[in-house]
Amino acid sequence: MKAIVHIALKNGVLDPQGKAVADTLTRMGYKEVEAARIGKVIELDLEDGLSKDAADARVKEMCEKLLANTVIESYRYELAE
């Protein structure tokens, strides 16, 4: 089973890296870019035989404890066979 975790800054949190990307794209001639936000995608390979319910609980725990800073970041994940 695989878990794909998407992590992004919450709305209202400044994103200096995203601003730098948007500014650079604009200077490169991509005038249609108004803003950019930078996030992370983490792919986790989980052991075979883990139930979907157990995987869901464990991945949520991983996100809460390590993968996302829940003060400033939001996360979502999907499980795939």
PDB file of N, CA and C in Angstrom:
ATOM      1  N   MET A   1       0.849  -1.175   0.000  1.00  0.00           N
ATOM      2  CA  MET A   1       0.000   0.000   0.000  1.00  0.00           C
ATOM      3  C   MET A   1       0.893   1.235   0.000  1.00  0.00           C
ATOM      4  N   LYS A   2       0.411   2.272  -0.614  1.00  0.00           N
ATOM      5  CA  LYS A   2       1.158   3.532  -0.697  1.00  0.00           C
ATOM      6  C   LYS A   2       0.292   4.651  -0.136  1.00  0.00           C
ATOM      7  N   ALA A   3       0.923   5.548   0.595  1.00  0.00           N
ATOM      8  CA  ALA A   3       0.255   6.760   1.074  1.00  0.00           C
ATOM      9  C   ALA A   3       0.935   7.948   0.394  1.00  0.00           C
ATOM     10  N   ILE A   4       0.135   8.836  -0.152  1.00  0.00           N
ATOM     11  CA  ILE A   4       0.658  10.058  -0.759  1.00  0.00           C
ATOM     12  C   ILE A   4       0.150  11.227   0.083  1.00  0.00           C
ATOM     13  N   VAL A   5       1.091  11.932   0.705  1.00  0.00           N
ATOM     14  CA  VAL A   5       0.770  13.013   1.634  1.00  0.00           C
ATOM     15  C   VAL A   5       1.084  14.349   0.953  1.00  0.00           C
ATOM     16  N   HIS A   6       0.104  15.243   0.953  1.00  0.00           N
ATOM     17  CA  HIS A   6       0.265  16.592   0.392  1.00  0.00           C
ATOM     18  C   HIS A   6       0.265  17.577   1.558  1.00  0.00           C
ATOM     19  N   ILE A   7       1.306  18.394   1.641  1.00  0.00           N
ATOM     20  CA  ILE A   7       1.450  19.358   2.733  1.00  0.00           C
ATOM     21  C   ILE A   7       1.590  20.752   2.133  1.00  0.00           C
ATOM     22  N   ALA A   8       0.822  21.699   2.670  1.00  0.00           N
ATOM     23  CA  ALA A   8       0.868  23.080   2.174  1.00  0.00           C
ATOM     24  C   ALA A   8       0.737  24.043   3.344  1.00  0.00           C
ATOM     25  N   LEU A   9       1.250  25.240   3.140  1.00  0.00           N
ATOM     26  CA  LEU A   9       1.076  26.272   4.158  1.00  0.00           C
ATOM     27  C   LEU A   9      -0.400  26.650   4.244  1.00  0.00           C
ATOM     28  N   LYS A  10      -0.864  26.910   5.453  1.00  0.00           N
ATOM     29  CA  LYS A  10      -2.246  27.353   5.636  1.00  0.00           C
ATOM     30  C   LYS A  10      -2.428  28.742   5.037  1.00  0.00           C
ATOM     31  N   ASN A  11      -3.660  29.045   4.670  1.00  0.00           N
ATOM     32  CA  ASN A  11      -3.972  30.393   4.177  1.00  0.00           C
ATOM     33  C   ASN A  11      -3.601  31.405   5.246  1.00  0.00           C
ATOM     34  N   GLY A  12      -3.042  32.503   4.822  1.00  0.00           N
ATOM     35  CA  GLY A  12      -2.657  33.550   5.760  1.00  0.00           C
ATOM     36  C   GLY A  12      -1.214  33.441   6.235  1.00  0.00           C
ATOM     37  N   VAL A  13      -0.570  32.297   5.999  1.00  0.00           N
ATOM     38  CA  VAL A  13       0.835  32.139   6.386  1.00  0.00           C
ATOM     39  C   VAL A  13       1.698  32.621   5.227  1.00  0.00           C
ATOM     40  N   LEU A  14       2.639  33.499   5.519  1.00  0.00           N
ATOM     41  CA  LEU A  14       3.511  34.028   4.478  1.00  0.00           C
ATOM     42  C   LEU A  14       4.333  32.911   3.850  1.00  0.00           C
ATOM     43  N   ASP A  15       4.526  32.985   2.538  1.00  0.00           N
ATOM     44  CA  ASP A  15       5.274  31.984   1.797  1.00  0.00           C
ATOM     45  C   ASP A  15       6.364  32.692   0.989  1.00  0.00           C
ATOM     46  N   PRO A  16       7.513  33.002   1.616  1.00  0.00           N
ATOM     47  CA  PRO A  16       8.553  33.733   0.904  1.00  0.00           C
ATOM     48  C   PRO A  16       9.104  32.970  -0.301  1.00  0.00           C
ATOM     49  N   GLN A  17       9.163  31.650  -0.219  1.00  0.00           N
ATOM     50  CA  GLN A  17       9.643  30.860  -1.343  1.00  0.00           C
ATOM     51  C   GLN A  17       8.655  30.954  -2.513  1.00  0.00           C
ATOM     52  N   GLY A  18       7.380  30.871  -2.219  1.00  0.00           N
ATOM     53  CA  GLY A  18       6.361  31.015  -3.257  1.00  0.00           C
ATOM     54  C   GLY A  18       6.400  32.396  -3.893  1.00  0.00           C
ATOM     55  N   LYS A  19       6.611  33.431  -3.072  1.00  0.00           N
ATOM     56  CA  LYS A  19       6.697  34.797  -3.599  1.00  0.00           C
ATOM     57  C   LYS A  19       7.893  34.928  -4.527  1.00  0.00           C
ATOM     58  N   ALA A  20       9.022  34.349  -4.149  1.00  0.00           N
ATOM     59  CA  ALA A  20      10.219  34.411  -4.984  1.00  0.00           C
ATOM     60  C   ALA A  20       9.976  33.723  -6.329  1.00  0.00           C
ATOM     61  N   VAL A  21       9.305  32.584  -6.309  1.00  0.00           N
ATOM     62  CA  VAL A  21       9.002  31.861  -7.546  1.00  0.00           C
ATOM     63  C   VAL A  21       8.082  32.696  -8.432  1.00  0.00           C
ATOM     64  N   ALA A  22       7.014  33.238  -7.847  1.00  0.00           N
ATOM     65  CA  ALA A  22       6.073  34.045  -8.627  1.00  0.00           C
ATOM     66  C   ALA A  22       6.754  35.281  -9.211  1.00  0.00           C
ATOM     67  N   ASP A  23       7.566  35.955  -8.406  1.00  0.00           N
ATOM     68  CA  ASP A  23       8.274  37.153  -8.886  1.00  0.00           C
ATOM     69  C   ASP A  23       9.214  36.807 -10.035  1.00  0.00           C
ATOM     70  N   THR A  24       9.941  35.701  -9.903  1.00  0.00           N
ATOM     71  CA  THR A  24      10.886  35.304 -10.942  1.00  0.00           C
ATOM     72  C   THR A  24      10.157  34.917 -12.226  1.00  0.00           C
ATOM     73  N   LEU A  25       9.073  34.177 -12.112  1.00  0.00           N
ATOM     74  CA  LEU A  25       8.306  33.812 -13.300  1.00  0.00           C
ATOM     75  C   LEU A  25       7.781  35.054 -14.021  1.00  0.00           C
ATOM     76  N   THR A  26       7.321  36.034 -13.253  1.00  0.00           N
ATOM     77  CA  THR A  26       6.839  37.282 -13.848  1.00  0.00           C
ATOM     78  C   THR A  26       7.970  37.994 -14.594  1.00  0.00           C
ATOM     79  N   ARG A  27       9.151  38.057 -13.959  1.00  0.00           N
ATOM     80  CA  ARG A  27      10.304  38.695 -14.609  1.00  0.00           C
ATOM     81  C   ARG A  27      10.747  37.932 -15.855  1.00  0.00           C
ATOM     82  N   MET A  28      10.477  36.635 -15.903  1.00  0.00           N
ATOM     83  CA  MET A  28      10.844  35.816 -17.061  1.00  0.00           C
ATOM     84  C   MET A  28       9.839  35.953 -18.201  1.00  0.00           C
ATOM     85  N   GLY A  29       8.788  36.734 -17.965  1.00  0.00           N
ATOM     86  CA  GLY A  29       7.824  36.968 -19.030  1.00  0.00           C
ATOM     87  C   GLY A  29       6.496  36.253 -18.847  1.00  0.00           C
ATOM     88  N   TYR A  30       6.343  35.518 -17.772  1.00  0.00           N
ATOM     89  CA  TYR A  30       5.083  34.833 -17.500  1.00  0.00           C
ATOM     90  C   TYR A  30       4.179  35.761 -16.682  1.00  0.00           C
ATOM     91  N   LYS A  31       3.675  36.784 -17.336  1.00  0.00           N
ATOM     92  CA  LYS A  31       2.913  37.844 -16.673  1.00  0.00           C
ATOM     93  C   LYS A  31       1.593  37.346 -16.084  1.00  0.00           C
ATOM     94  N   GLU A  32       1.101  36.197 -16.571  1.00  0.00           N
ATOM     95  CA  GLU A  32      -0.168  35.673 -16.065  1.00  0.00           C
ATOM     96  C   GLU A  32      -0.059  35.099 -14.645  1.00  0.00           C
ATOM     97  N   VAL A  33       1.159  34.896 -14.145  1.00  0.00           N
ATOM     98  CA  VAL A  33       1.339  34.357 -12.792  1.00  0.00           C
ATOM     99  C   VAL A  33       1.161  35.487 -11.787  1.00  0.00           C
ATOM    100  N   GLU A  34       0.138  35.373 -10.962  1.00  0.00           N
ATOM    101  CA  GLU A  34      -0.124  36.383  -9.929  1.00  0.00           C
ATOM    102  C   GLU A  34       0.465  35.990  -8.580  1.00  0.00           C
ATOM    103  N   ALA A  35       0.509  34.688  -8.286  1.00  0.00           N
ATOM    104  CA  ALA A  35       1.027  34.219  -6.998  1.00  0.00           C
ATOM    105  C   ALA A  35       1.387  32.746  -7.123  1.00  0.00           C
ATOM    106  N   ALA A  36       2.227  32.287  -6.212  1.00  0.00           N
ATOM    107  CA  ALA A  36       2.593  30.877  -6.148  1.00  0.00           C
ATOM    108  C   ALA A  36       2.699  30.474  -4.684  1.00  0.00           C
ATOM    109  N   ARG A  37       2.354  29.242  -4.389  1.00  0.00           N
ATOM    110  CA  ARG A  37       2.502  28.684  -3.044  1.00  0.00           C
ATOM    111  C   ARG A  37       3.318  27.400  -3.196  1.00  0.00           C
ATOM    112  N   ILE A  38       4.266  27.200  -2.326  1.00  0.00           N
ATOM    113  CA  ILE A  38       5.132  26.030  -2.379  1.00  0.00           C
ATOM    114  C   ILE A  38       4.681  25.038  -1.307  1.00  0.00           C
ATOM    115  N   GLY A  39       4.622  23.783  -1.675  1.00  0.00           N
ATOM    116  CA  GLY A  39       4.241  22.731  -0.738  1.00  0.00           C
ATOM    117  C   GLY A  39       5.137  21.519  -0.907  1.00  0.00           C
ATOM    118  N   LYS A  40       4.755  20.429  -0.260  1.00  0.00           N
ATOM    119  CA  LYS A  40       5.538  19.200  -0.320  1.00  0.00           C
ATOM    120  C   LYS A  40       4.608  18.038  -0.645  1.00  0.00           C
ATOM    121  N   VAL A  41       5.146  17.047  -1.325  1.00  0.00           N
ATOM    122  CA  VAL A  41       4.455  15.781  -1.540  1.00  0.00           C
ATOM    123  C   VAL A  41       5.388  14.689  -1.044  1.00  0.00           C
ATOM    124  N   ILE A  42       4.881  13.834  -0.174  1.00  0.00           N
ATOM    125  CA  ILE A  42       5.669  12.739   0.388  1.00  0.00           C
ATOM    126  C   ILE A  42       4.966  11.432   0.049  1.00  0.00           C
ATOM    127  N   GLU A  43       5.683  10.504  -0.564  1.00  0.00           N
ATOM    128  CA  GLU A  43       5.142   9.185  -0.863  1.00  0.00           C
ATOM    129  C   GLU A  43       5.706   8.189   0.140  1.00  0.00           C
ATOM    130  N   LEU A  44       4.819   7.481   0.797  1.00  0.00           N
ATOM    131  CA  LEU A  44       5.215   6.480   1.787  1.00  0.00           C
ATOM    132  C   LEU A  44       4.799   5.099   1.288  1.00  0.00           C
ATOM    133  N   ASP A  45       5.733   4.164   1.233  1.00  0.00           N
ATOM    134  CA  ASP A  45       5.396   2.772   0.941  1.00  0.00           C
ATOM    135  C   ASP A  45       5.151   2.083   2.264  1.00  0.00           C
ATOM    136  N   LEU A  46       3.963   1.528   2.427  1.00  0.00           N
ATOM    137  CA  LEU A  46       3.572   0.875   3.675  1.00  0.00           C
ATOM    138  C   LEU A  46       3.626  -0.638   3.500  1.00  0.00           C
ATOM    139  N   GLU A  47       3.847  -1.327   4.586  1.00  0.00           N
ATOM    140  CA  GLU A  47       3.995  -2.786   4.524  1.00  0.00           C
ATOM    141  C   GLU A  47       2.726  -3.476   4.022  1.00  0.00           C
ATOM    142  N   ASP A  48       2.936  -4.552   3.306  1.00  0.00           N
ATOM    143  CA  ASP A  48       1.818  -5.354   2.828  1.00  0.00           C
ATOM    144  C   ASP A  48       1.080  -5.962   4.014  1.00  0.00           C
ATOM    145  N   GLY A  49      -0.198  -6.142   3.874  1.00  0.00           N
ATOM    146  CA  GLY A  49      -0.991  -6.761   4.929  1.00  0.00           C
ATOM    147  C   GLY A  49      -1.585  -5.776   5.919  1.00  0.00           C
ATOM    148  N   LEU A  50      -1.204  -4.521   5.824  1.00  0.00           N
ATOM    149  CA  LEU A  50      -1.762  -3.494   6.702  1.00  0.00           C
ATOM    150  C   LEU A  50      -3.168  -3.166   6.221  1.00  0.00           C
ATOM    151  N   SER A  51      -4.138  -3.206   7.132  1.00  0.00           N
ATOM    152  CA  SER A  51      -5.512  -2.909   6.722  1.00  0.00           C
ATOM    153  C   SER A  51      -5.636  -1.431   6.372  1.00  0.00           C
ATOM    154  N   LYS A  52      -6.652  -1.112   5.580  1.00  0.00           N
ATOM    155  CA  LYS A  52      -6.866   0.286   5.178  1.00  0.00           C
ATOM    156  C   LYS A  52      -7.140   1.162   6.403  1.00  0.00           C
ATOM    157  N   ASP A  53      -7.916   0.646   7.363  1.00  0.00           N
ATOM    158  CA  ASP A  53      -8.204   1.417   8.579  1.00  0.00           C
ATOM    159  C   ASP A  53      -6.937   1.668   9.395  1.00  0.00           C
ATOM    160  N   ALA A  54      -6.104   0.632   9.519  1.00  0.00           N
ATOM    161  CA  ALA A  54      -4.858   0.776  10.275  1.00  0.00           C
ATOM    162  C   ALA A  54      -3.918   1.748   9.559  1.00  0.00           C
ATOM    163  N   ALA A  55      -3.825   1.631   8.241  1.00  0.00           N
ATOM    164  CA  ALA A  55      -2.968   2.533   7.465  1.00  0.00           C
ATOM    165  C   ALA A  55      -3.437   3.972   7.620  1.00  0.00           C
ATOM    166  N   ASP A  56      -4.748   4.175   7.555  1.00  0.00           N
ATOM    167  CA  ASP A  56      -5.308   5.518   7.702  1.00  0.00           C
ATOM    168  C   ASP A  56      -4.919   6.116   9.049  1.00  0.00           C
ATOM    169  N   ALA A  57      -5.061   5.339  10.098  1.00  0.00           N
ATOM    170  CA  ALA A  57      -4.738   5.825  11.445  1.00  0.00           C
ATOM    171  C   ALA A  57      -3.248   6.119  11.586  1.00  0.00           C
ATOM    172  N   ARG A  58      -2.413   5.235  11.046  1.00  0.00           N
ATOM    173  CA  ARG A  58      -0.965   5.408  11.184  1.00  0.00           C
ATOM    174  C   ARG A  58      -0.454   6.607  10.380  1.00  0.00           C
ATOM    175  N   VAL A  59      -0.959   6.776   9.177  1.00  0.00           N
ATOM    176  CA  VAL A  59      -0.513   7.907   8.352  1.00  0.00           C
ATOM    177  C   VAL A  59      -0.960   9.220   8.989  1.00  0.00           C
ATOM    178  N   LYS A  60      -2.172   9.264   9.497  1.00  0.00           N
ATOM    179  CA  LYS A  60      -2.625  10.477  10.185  1.00  0.00           C
ATOM    180  C   LYS A  60      -1.713  10.792  11.364  1.00  0.00           C
ATOM    181  N   GLU A  61      -1.353   9.766  12.125  1.00  0.00           N
ATOM    182  CA  GLU A  61      -0.459   9.954  13.268  1.00  0.00           C
ATOM    183  C   GLU A  61       0.910  10.464  12.810  1.00  0.00           C
ATOM    184  N   MET A  62       1.438   9.913  11.719  1.00  0.00           N
ATOM    185  CA  MET A  62       2.730  10.371  11.180  1.00  0.00           C
ATOM    186  C   MET A  62       2.675  11.845  10.794  1.00  0.00           C
ATOM    187  N   CYS A  63       1.574  12.231  10.158  1.00  0.00           N
ATOM    188  CA  CYS A  63       1.415  13.629   9.747  1.00  0.00           C
ATOM    189  C   CYS A  63       1.367  14.551  10.955  1.00  0.00           C
ATOM    190  N   GLU A  64       0.595  14.166  11.947  1.00  0.00           N
ATOM    191  CA  GLU A  64       0.426  15.003  13.142  1.00  0.00           C
ATOM    192  C   GLU A  64       1.716  15.116  13.953  1.00  0.00           C
ATOM    193  N   LYS A  65       2.495  14.028  14.005  1.00  0.00           N
ATOM    194  CA  LYS A  65       3.684  14.004  14.854  1.00  0.00           C
ATOM    195  C   LYS A  65       4.955  14.490  14.181  1.00  0.00           C
ATOM    196  N   LEU A  66       5.066  14.308  12.850  1.00  0.00           N
ATOM    197  CA  LEU A  66       6.337  14.624  12.205  1.00  0.00           C
ATOM    198  C   LEU A  66       6.225  15.333  10.858  1.00  0.00           C
ATOM    199  N   LEU A  67       5.415  14.821   9.980  1.00  0.00           N
ATOM    200  CA  LEU A  67       5.473  15.268   8.585  1.00  0.00           C
ATOM    201  C   LEU A  67       4.975  16.689   8.369  1.00  0.00           C
ATOM    202  N   ALA A  68       3.975  17.120   9.119  1.00  0.00           N
ATOM    203  CA  ALA A  68       3.420  18.469   8.945  1.00  0.00           C
ATOM    204  C   ALA A  68       3.534  19.253  10.251  1.00  0.00           C
ATOM    205  N   ASN A  69       3.866  20.512  10.131  1.00  0.00           N
ATOM    206  CA  ASN A  69       3.814  21.423  11.277  1.00  0.00           C
ATOM    207  C   ASN A  69       2.390  21.969  11.285  1.00  0.00           C
ATOM    208  N   THR A  70       1.525  21.358  12.076  1.00  0.00           N
ATOM    209  CA  THR A  70       0.096  21.669  12.006  1.00  0.00           C
ATOM    210  C   THR A  70      -0.258  23.072  12.476  1.00  0.00           C
ATOM    211  N   VAL A  71       0.691  23.791  13.037  1.00  0.00           N
ATOM    212  CA  VAL A  71       0.443  25.181  13.410  1.00  0.00           C
ATOM    213  C   VAL A  71       0.343  26.042  12.153  1.00  0.00           C
ATOM    214  N   ILE A  72       1.219  25.768  11.177  1.00  0.00           N
ATOM    215  CA  ILE A  72       1.263  26.609   9.970  1.00  0.00           C
ATOM    216  C   ILE A  72       0.968  25.849   8.682  1.00  0.00           C
ATOM    217  N   GLU A  73       0.867  24.520   8.759  1.00  0.00           N
ATOM    218  CA  GLU A  73       0.657  23.725   7.551  1.00  0.00           C
ATOM    219  C   GLU A  73      -0.611  22.883   7.669  1.00  0.00           C
ATOM    220  N   SER A  74      -1.233  22.668   6.540  1.00  0.00           N
ATOM    221  CA  SER A  74      -2.350  21.715   6.474  1.00  0.00           C
ATOM    222  C   SER A  74      -1.872  20.519   5.673  1.00  0.00           C
ATOM    223  N   TYR A  75      -2.527  19.406   5.845  1.00  0.00           N
ATOM    224  CA  TYR A  75      -2.140  18.223   5.087  1.00  0.00           C
ATOM    225  C   TYR A  75      -3.386  17.440   4.688  1.00  0.00           C
ATOM    226  N   ARG A  76      -3.206  16.642   3.652  1.00  0.00           N
ATOM    227  CA  ARG A  76      -4.206  15.672   3.243  1.00  0.00           C
ATOM    228  C   ARG A  76      -3.427  14.504   2.674  1.00  0.00           C
ATOM    229  N   TYR A  77      -4.047  13.348   2.697  1.00  0.00           N
ATOM    230  CA  TYR A  77      -3.357  12.188   2.149  1.00  0.00           C
ATOM    231  C   TYR A  77      -4.370  11.252   1.505  1.00  0.00           C
ATOM    232  N   GLU A  78      -3.831  10.425   0.631  1.00  0.00           N
ATOM    233  CA  GLU A  78      -4.654   9.415  -0.010  1.00  0.00           C
ATOM    234  C   GLU A  78      -3.914   8.084   0.082  1.00  0.00           C
ATOM    235  N   LEU A  79      -4.655   7.028   0.235  1.00  0.00           N
ATOM    236  CA  LEU A  79      -4.094   5.693   0.289  1.00  0.00           C
ATOM    237  C   LEU A  79      -4.397   4.979  -1.012  1.00  0.00           C
ATOM    238  N   ALA A  80      -3.403   4.299  -1.554  1.00  0.00           N
ATOM    239  CA  ALA A  80      -3.588   3.559  -2.799  1.00  0.00           C
ATOM    240  C   ALA A  80      -3.033   2.151  -2.621  1.00  0.00           C
ATOM    241  N   GLU A  81      -3.696   1.215  -3.219  1.00  0.00           N
ATOM    242  CA  GLU A  81      -3.241  -0.186  -3.145  1.00  0.00           C
ATOM    243  C   GLU A  81      -1.994  -0.381  -3.951  1.00  0.00           C
TER     244      GLU A  81
END
